[in-house]
Amino acid sequence: MSLLDKAIAAVTPPVSDDKRAEARAKARAAAEPGDWLSQILDHHEEIDQAFTDTKAATTAEARRNAQKRLGTLLTGHSMAEEAVIYPALAQAGKQGHANTAYTEQVAAKQQMAVLEMMDPMSEHYLDKLGHLEGAVKTHVFQEESDWFVDMKRDAPAEAQAHATARYREESGRYFGGGPSVDGVAPEARSFVSEAAAEGYQKPLA
């Protein structure tokens, strides 16, 4: 285990599957159809599946493709949270939660960048992927069990509507389907971009 892995493990102790399921059910109960929280929960579920698909891949090509999908989901989701949700947390007096969230997502991006340079079929790769998945799951648990449920309960209606529209807009820049910005429809973007042609996935931004 690398020093970075040890540091991540120290601040992100494992959470049981039962506790994660309970937190997600609690968050789903608080969410409304199409609101910012339901959008985030949908992304969390897609990210869970992307980790499963990456681990289950049986060839190097399939694993790299699954990893790129995972990277796209993590980046689009994290950038939308960082642009919209975490500032809202800070404005609601939860600056500590916002700072923690930013720090954890930076660590996840660093780990994704390391994975890009590793043999995807090696045990070391799977070990690194497992550490990343554990850190992401714990980060998600913090959001679903406490931070976001409190924000959903306490934020005024105007702030809720703003968060819903802005989260959809920001995530739509990566996944497509979001509202147009200045008359330009969002593209479904993989952040592999030009580097993909050379077999290299660009690090998460």
C-alpha atoms as a PDB file:
ATOM      1  CA  MET A   1       0.000   0.000   0.000  1.00  0.00           C
ATOM      2  CA  SER A   2       1.410   3.389  -0.992  1.00  0.00           C
ATOM      3  CA  LEU A   3       1.724   6.327   1.392  1.00  0.00           C
ATOM      4  CA  LEU A   4      -1.207   8.005  -0.401  1.00  0.00           C
ATOM      5  CA  ASP A   5      -3.309   4.853  -0.012  1.00  0.00           C
ATOM      6  CA  LYS A   6      -2.468   4.734   3.697  1.00  0.00           C
ATOM      7  CA  ALA A   7      -3.398   8.385   4.118  1.00  0.00           C
ATOM      8  CA  ILE A   8      -6.727   7.850   2.366  1.00  0.00           C
ATOM      9  CA  ALA A   9      -7.456   4.756   4.449  1.00  0.00           C
ATOM     10  CA  ALA A  10      -6.689   6.675   7.638  1.00  0.00           C
ATOM     11  CA  VAL A  11      -9.296   9.356   6.936  1.00  0.00           C
ATOM     12  CA  THR A  12     -11.849   7.119   5.221  1.00  0.00           C
ATOM     13  CA  PRO A  13     -12.527   4.126   7.486  1.00  0.00           C
ATOM     14  CA  PRO A  14     -14.708   1.445   5.887  1.00  0.00           C
ATOM     15  CA  VAL A  15     -18.480   1.627   6.202  1.00  0.00           C
ATOM     16  CA  SER A  16     -20.614  -1.517   6.142  1.00  0.00           C
ATOM     17  CA  ASP A  17     -22.863  -2.305   3.192  1.00  0.00           C
ATOM     18  CA  ASP A  18     -25.878  -2.208   5.501  1.00  0.00           C
ATOM     19  CA  LYS A  19     -25.058   1.300   6.706  1.00  0.00           C
ATOM     20  CA  ARG A  20     -24.524   2.514   3.157  1.00  0.00           C
ATOM     21  CA  ALA A  21     -27.840   1.026   2.055  1.00  0.00           C
ATOM     22  CA  GLU A  22     -29.612   2.631   5.010  1.00  0.00           C
ATOM     23  CA  ALA A  23     -28.090   6.023   4.204  1.00  0.00           C
ATOM     24  CA  ARG A  24     -29.073   5.791   0.549  1.00  0.00           C
ATOM     25  CA  ALA A  25     -32.636   4.849   1.432  1.00  0.00           C
ATOM     26  CA  LYS A  26     -32.781   7.819   3.806  1.00  0.00           C
ATOM     27  CA  ALA A  27     -31.513  10.151   1.094  1.00  0.00           C
ATOM     28  CA  ARG A  28     -33.940   8.740  -1.485  1.00  0.00           C
ATOM     29  CA  ALA A  29     -36.797   9.340   0.917  1.00  0.00           C
ATOM     30  CA  ALA A  30     -35.718  12.968   1.295  1.00  0.00           C
ATOM     31  CA  ALA A  31     -35.261  13.552  -2.440  1.00  0.00           C
ATOM     32  CA  GLU A  32     -37.940  14.672  -4.879  1.00  0.00           C
ATOM     33  CA  PRO A  33     -38.186  13.508  -8.506  1.00  0.00           C
ATOM     34  CA  GLY A  34     -35.709  15.414 -10.647  1.00  0.00           C
ATOM     35  CA  ASP A  35     -34.307  17.573  -7.855  1.00  0.00           C
ATOM     36  CA  TRP A  36     -30.594  18.088  -7.210  1.00  0.00           C
ATOM     37  CA  LEU A  37     -30.490  15.321  -4.615  1.00  0.00           C
ATOM     38  CA  SER A  38     -32.167  12.739  -6.840  1.00  0.00           C
ATOM     39  CA  GLN A  39     -29.755  13.611  -9.659  1.00  0.00           C
ATOM     40  CA  ILE A  40     -26.800  13.096  -7.338  1.00  0.00           C
ATOM     41  CA  LEU A  41     -28.143   9.779  -6.072  1.00  0.00           C
ATOM     42  CA  ASP A  42     -28.601   8.587  -9.653  1.00  0.00           C
ATOM     43  CA  HIS A  43     -24.959   9.446 -10.346  1.00  0.00           C
ATOM     44  CA  HIS A  44     -23.846   7.666  -7.188  1.00  0.00           C
ATOM     45  CA  GLU A  45     -25.589   4.509  -8.369  1.00  0.00           C
ATOM     46  CA  GLU A  46     -24.005   4.781 -11.813  1.00  0.00           C
ATOM     47  CA  ILE A  47     -20.582   5.163 -10.212  1.00  0.00           C
ATOM     48  CA  ASP A  48     -21.178   2.064  -8.068  1.00  0.00           C
ATOM     49  CA  GLN A  49     -21.996   0.096 -11.206  1.00  0.00           C
ATOM     50  CA  ALA A  50     -18.958   1.476 -13.040  1.00  0.00           C
ATOM     51  CA  PHE A  51     -16.662   0.200 -10.289  1.00  0.00           C
ATOM     52  CA  THR A  52     -18.328  -3.216 -10.531  1.00  0.00           C
ATOM     53  CA  ASP A  53     -17.926  -3.270 -14.309  1.00  0.00           C
ATOM     54  CA  THR A  54     -14.257  -2.275 -14.116  1.00  0.00           C
ATOM     55  CA  LYS A  55     -13.456  -5.027 -11.633  1.00  0.00           C
ATOM     56  CA  ALA A  56     -15.420  -7.612 -13.613  1.00  0.00           C
ATOM     57  CA  ALA A  57     -13.715  -6.938 -16.972  1.00  0.00           C
ATOM     58  CA  THR A  58     -11.769  -9.954 -18.235  1.00  0.00           C
ATOM     59  CA  THR A  59      -9.468  -8.337 -20.816  1.00  0.00           C
ATOM     60  CA  ALA A  60      -7.151  -5.336 -20.721  1.00  0.00           C
ATOM     61  CA  GLU A  61      -9.155  -3.559 -23.413  1.00  0.00           C
ATOM     62  CA  ALA A  62     -12.462  -4.135 -21.635  1.00  0.00           C
ATOM     63  CA  ARG A  63     -11.025  -2.964 -18.328  1.00  0.00           C
ATOM     64  CA  ARG A  64      -9.577   0.195 -19.852  1.00  0.00           C
ATOM     65  CA  ASN A  65     -12.913   0.961 -21.484  1.00  0.00           C
ATOM     66  CA  ALA A  66     -14.725   0.402 -18.185  1.00  0.00           C
ATOM     67  CA  GLN A  67     -12.137   2.556 -16.404  1.00  0.00           C
ATOM     68  CA  LYS A  68     -12.700   5.375 -18.889  1.00  0.00           C
ATOM     69  CA  ARG A  69     -16.429   5.155 -18.250  1.00  0.00           C
ATOM     70  CA  LEU A  70     -15.758   5.268 -14.508  1.00  0.00           C
ATOM     71  CA  GLY A  71     -13.465   8.257 -14.961  1.00  0.00           C
ATOM     72  CA  THR A  72     -16.043  10.137 -16.989  1.00  0.00           C
ATOM     73  CA  LEU A  73     -18.697   9.555 -14.346  1.00  0.00           C
ATOM     74  CA  LEU A  74     -16.422  10.536 -11.477  1.00  0.00           C
ATOM     75  CA  THR A  75     -15.239  13.697 -13.173  1.00  0.00           C
ATOM     76  CA  GLY A  76     -18.598  14.941 -14.428  1.00  0.00           C
ATOM     77  CA  HIS A  77     -20.216  14.205 -11.089  1.00  0.00           C
ATOM     78  CA  SER A  78     -17.446  15.684  -8.963  1.00  0.00           C
ATOM     79  CA  MET A  79     -17.150  18.865 -11.015  1.00  0.00           C
ATOM     80  CA  ALA A  80     -20.897  19.451 -10.768  1.00  0.00           C
ATOM     81  CA  GLU A  81     -20.767  18.971  -6.995  1.00  0.00           C
ATOM     82  CA  GLU A  82     -17.715  21.212  -6.679  1.00  0.00           C
ATOM     83  CA  ALA A  83     -19.294  23.981  -8.755  1.00  0.00           C
ATOM     84  CA  VAL A  84     -22.764  23.892  -7.190  1.00  0.00           C
ATOM     85  CA  ILE A  85     -23.325  21.715  -4.135  1.00  0.00           C
ATOM     86  CA  TYR A  86     -20.215  22.256  -2.035  1.00  0.00           C
ATOM     87  CA  PRO A  87     -20.434  26.059  -2.291  1.00  0.00           C
ATOM     88  CA  ALA A  88     -24.055  25.732  -1.164  1.00  0.00           C
ATOM     89  CA  LEU A  89     -22.908  23.653   1.814  1.00  0.00           C
ATOM     90  CA  ALA A  90     -20.411  26.349   2.747  1.00  0.00           C
ATOM     91  CA  GLN A  91     -23.028  29.080   2.402  1.00  0.00           C
ATOM     92  CA  ALA A  92     -25.306  27.078   4.704  1.00  0.00           C
ATOM     93  CA  GLY A  93     -22.653  27.184   7.419  1.00  0.00           C
ATOM     94  CA  LYS A  94     -21.121  23.772   6.647  1.00  0.00           C
ATOM     95  CA  GLN A  95     -17.704  25.017   5.542  1.00  0.00           C
ATOM     96  CA  GLY A  96     -15.976  22.083   7.246  1.00  0.00           C
ATOM     97  CA  HIS A  97     -18.045  19.564   5.294  1.00  0.00           C
ATOM     98  CA  ALA A  98     -17.353  21.416   2.059  1.00  0.00           C
ATOM     99  CA  ASN A  99     -13.601  21.487   2.710  1.00  0.00           C
ATOM    100  CA  THR A 100     -13.572  17.768   3.501  1.00  0.00           C
ATOM    101  CA  ALA A 101     -15.529  16.978   0.348  1.00  0.00           C
ATOM    102  CA  TYR A 102     -13.166  18.955  -1.869  1.00  0.00           C
ATOM    103  CA  THR A 103     -10.123  17.266  -0.304  1.00  0.00           C
ATOM    104  CA  GLU A 104     -11.551  13.772  -0.727  1.00  0.00           C
ATOM    105  CA  GLN A 105     -12.397  14.343  -4.372  1.00  0.00           C
ATOM    106  CA  VAL A 106      -8.890  15.630  -5.113  1.00  0.00           C
ATOM    107  CA  ALA A 107      -7.490  12.424  -3.603  1.00  0.00           C
ATOM    108  CA  ALA A 108      -9.815  10.328  -5.784  1.00  0.00           C
ATOM    109  CA  LYS A 109      -8.657  12.151  -8.908  1.00  0.00           C
ATOM    110  CA  GLN A 110      -5.040  11.503  -7.984  1.00  0.00           C
ATOM    111  CA  GLN A 111      -5.794   7.807  -7.625  1.00  0.00           C
ATOM    112  CA  MET A 112      -7.518   7.699 -11.014  1.00  0.00           C
ATOM    113  CA  ALA A 113      -4.445   9.280 -12.594  1.00  0.00           C
ATOM    114  CA  VAL A 114      -2.261   6.560 -11.049  1.00  0.00           C
ATOM    115  CA  LEU A 115      -4.554   3.813 -12.374  1.00  0.00           C
ATOM    116  CA  GLU A 116      -4.190   5.154 -15.902  1.00  0.00           C
ATOM    117  CA  MET A 117      -0.481   4.331 -15.847  1.00  0.00           C
ATOM    118  CA  MET A 118      -0.791   0.800 -14.430  1.00  0.00           C
ATOM    119  CA  ASP A 119      -1.187  -2.614 -16.060  1.00  0.00           C
ATOM    120  CA  PRO A 120      -4.985  -3.019 -15.888  1.00  0.00           C
ATOM    121  CA  MET A 121      -4.786  -6.792 -15.438  1.00  0.00           C
ATOM    122  CA  SER A 122      -2.301  -6.729 -12.558  1.00  0.00           C
ATOM    123  CA  GLU A 123      -3.111  -7.494  -8.942  1.00  0.00           C
ATOM    124  CA  HIS A 124      -1.600  -4.143  -7.998  1.00  0.00           C
ATOM    125  CA  TYR A 125      -4.126  -2.418 -10.268  1.00  0.00           C
ATOM    126  CA  LEU A 126      -7.034  -4.240  -8.627  1.00  0.00           C
ATOM    127  CA  ASP A 127      -5.649  -3.407  -5.188  1.00  0.00           C
ATOM    128  CA  LYS A 128      -5.406   0.277  -6.116  1.00  0.00           C
ATOM    129  CA  LEU A 129      -8.896   0.205  -7.633  1.00  0.00           C
ATOM    130  CA  GLY A 130     -10.228  -1.357  -4.446  1.00  0.00           C
ATOM    131  CA  HIS A 131      -8.708   1.385  -2.298  1.00  0.00           C
ATOM    132  CA  LEU A 132     -10.236   4.018  -4.569  1.00  0.00           C
ATOM    133  CA  GLU A 133     -13.645   2.354  -4.469  1.00  0.00           C
ATOM    134  CA  GLY A 134     -13.546   2.210  -0.681  1.00  0.00           C
ATOM    135  CA  ALA A 135     -12.645   5.888  -0.433  1.00  0.00           C
ATOM    136  CA  VAL A 136     -15.382   6.892  -2.879  1.00  0.00           C
ATOM    137  CA  LYS A 137     -17.986   4.794  -1.056  1.00  0.00           C
ATOM    138  CA  THR A 138     -17.097   6.392   2.264  1.00  0.00           C
ATOM    139  CA  HIS A 139     -17.235   9.856   0.697  1.00  0.00           C
ATOM    140  CA  VAL A 140     -20.665   9.041  -0.747  1.00  0.00           C
ATOM    141  CA  PHE A 141     -21.834   7.719   2.622  1.00  0.00           C
ATOM    142  CA  GLN A 142     -20.950  11.030   4.278  1.00  0.00           C
ATOM    143  CA  GLU A 143     -22.991  12.884   1.687  1.00  0.00           C
ATOM    144  CA  GLU A 144     -26.015  10.580   1.747  1.00  0.00           C
ATOM    145  CA  SER A 145     -26.216   9.961   5.494  1.00  0.00           C
ATOM    146  CA  ASP A 146     -25.788  13.509   6.703  1.00  0.00           C
ATOM    147  CA  TRP A 147     -24.542  16.430   4.627  1.00  0.00           C
ATOM    148  CA  PHE A 148     -26.972  16.375   1.716  1.00  0.00           C
ATOM    149  CA  VAL A 149     -29.996  15.247   3.714  1.00  0.00           C
ATOM    150  CA  ASP A 150     -29.477  18.205   6.062  1.00  0.00           C
ATOM    151  CA  MET A 151     -29.111  20.576   3.122  1.00  0.00           C
ATOM    152  CA  LYS A 152     -32.288  19.201   1.547  1.00  0.00           C
ATOM    153  CA  ARG A 153     -34.158  19.710   4.809  1.00  0.00           C
ATOM    154  CA  ASP A 154     -32.833  23.151   5.702  1.00  0.00           C
ATOM    155  CA  ALA A 155     -32.154  25.064   2.478  1.00  0.00           C
ATOM    156  CA  PRO A 156     -34.892  27.475   1.346  1.00  0.00           C
ATOM    157  CA  ALA A 157     -36.973  26.634  -1.715  1.00  0.00           C
ATOM    158  CA  GLU A 158     -35.202  29.194  -3.884  1.00  0.00           C
ATOM    159  CA  ALA A 159     -31.809  27.687  -3.073  1.00  0.00           C
ATOM    160  CA  GLN A 160     -33.148  24.193  -3.783  1.00  0.00           C
ATOM    161  CA  ALA A 161     -34.429  25.235  -7.199  1.00  0.00           C
ATOM    162  CA  HIS A 162     -31.136  26.932  -8.008  1.00  0.00           C
ATOM    163  CA  ALA A 163     -29.144  23.842  -6.996  1.00  0.00           C
ATOM    164  CA  THR A 164     -31.371  21.614  -9.121  1.00  0.00           C
ATOM    165  CA  ALA A 165     -30.980  23.724 -12.251  1.00  0.00           C
ATOM    166  CA  ARG A 166     -27.269  24.359 -11.815  1.00  0.00           C
ATOM    167  CA  TYR A 167     -26.364  20.753 -10.999  1.00  0.00           C
ATOM    168  CA  ARG A 168     -28.218  19.574 -14.101  1.00  0.00           C
ATOM    169  CA  GLU A 169     -26.428  22.215 -16.168  1.00  0.00           C
ATOM    170  CA  GLU A 170     -22.956  21.367 -14.869  1.00  0.00           C
ATOM    171  CA  SER A 171     -23.334  17.591 -15.109  1.00  0.00           C
ATOM    172  CA  GLY A 172     -24.884  18.016 -18.560  1.00  0.00           C
ATOM    173  CA  ARG A 173     -21.600  19.510 -19.758  1.00  0.00           C
ATOM    174  CA  TYR A 174     -20.139  16.011 -19.403  1.00  0.00           C
ATOM    175  CA  PHE A 175     -23.023  13.605 -19.843  1.00  0.00           C
ATOM    176  CA  GLY A 176     -25.303  15.428 -22.257  1.00  0.00           C
ATOM    177  CA  GLY A 177     -28.980  15.986 -21.752  1.00  0.00           C
ATOM    178  CA  GLY A 178     -28.542  19.089 -19.627  1.00  0.00           C
ATOM    179  CA  PRO A 179     -29.959  22.481 -20.552  1.00  0.00           C
ATOM    180  CA  SER A 180     -28.237  24.618 -23.139  1.00  0.00           C
ATOM    181  CA  VAL A 181     -25.782  27.261 -21.984  1.00  0.00           C
ATOM    182  CA  ASP A 182     -25.873  30.549 -23.910  1.00  0.00           C
ATOM    183  CA  GLY A 183     -27.824  28.778 -26.618  1.00  0.00           C
ATOM    184  CA  VAL A 184     -25.308  25.966 -27.032  1.00  0.00           C
ATOM    185  CA  ALA A 185     -26.486  22.464 -26.193  1.00  0.00           C
ATOM    186  CA  PRO A 186     -24.161  20.495 -23.906  1.00  0.00           C
ATOM    187  CA  GLU A 187     -22.075  17.701 -25.368  1.00  0.00           C
ATOM    188  CA  ALA A 188     -21.624  14.235 -23.928  1.00  0.00           C
ATOM    189  CA  ARG A 189     -17.932  14.513 -23.121  1.00  0.00           C
ATOM    190  CA  SER A 190     -15.428  11.845 -22.282  1.00  0.00           C
ATOM    191  CA  PHE A 191     -12.407  13.438 -20.836  1.00  0.00           C
ATOM    192  CA  VAL A 192     -10.185  11.114 -22.677  1.00  0.00           C
ATOM    193  CA  SER A 193     -10.311  13.650 -25.553  1.00  0.00           C
ATOM    194  CA  GLU A 194      -7.331  13.785 -27.905  1.00  0.00           C
ATOM    195  CA  ALA A 195      -5.167  11.669 -25.637  1.00  0.00           C
ATOM    196  CA  ALA A 196      -7.457   8.686 -26.197  1.00  0.00           C
ATOM    197  CA  ALA A 197      -6.123   8.305 -29.717  1.00  0.00           C
ATOM    198  CA  GLU A 198      -2.724   7.644 -28.177  1.00  0.00           C
ATOM    199  CA  GLY A 199      -4.088   5.142 -25.672  1.00  0.00           C
ATOM    200  CA  TYR A 200      -3.705   7.469 -22.709  1.00  0.00           C
ATOM    201  CA  GLN A 201      -6.547   8.755 -20.575  1.00  0.00           C
ATOM    202  CA  LYS A 202      -6.151  12.345 -19.481  1.00  0.00           C
ATOM    203  CA  PRO A 203      -5.958  12.790 -15.675  1.00  0.00           C
ATOM    204  CA  LEU A 204      -9.076  13.969 -13.929  1.00  0.00           C
ATOM    205  CA  ALA A 205      -9.372  17.713 -13.701  1.00  0.00           C
END
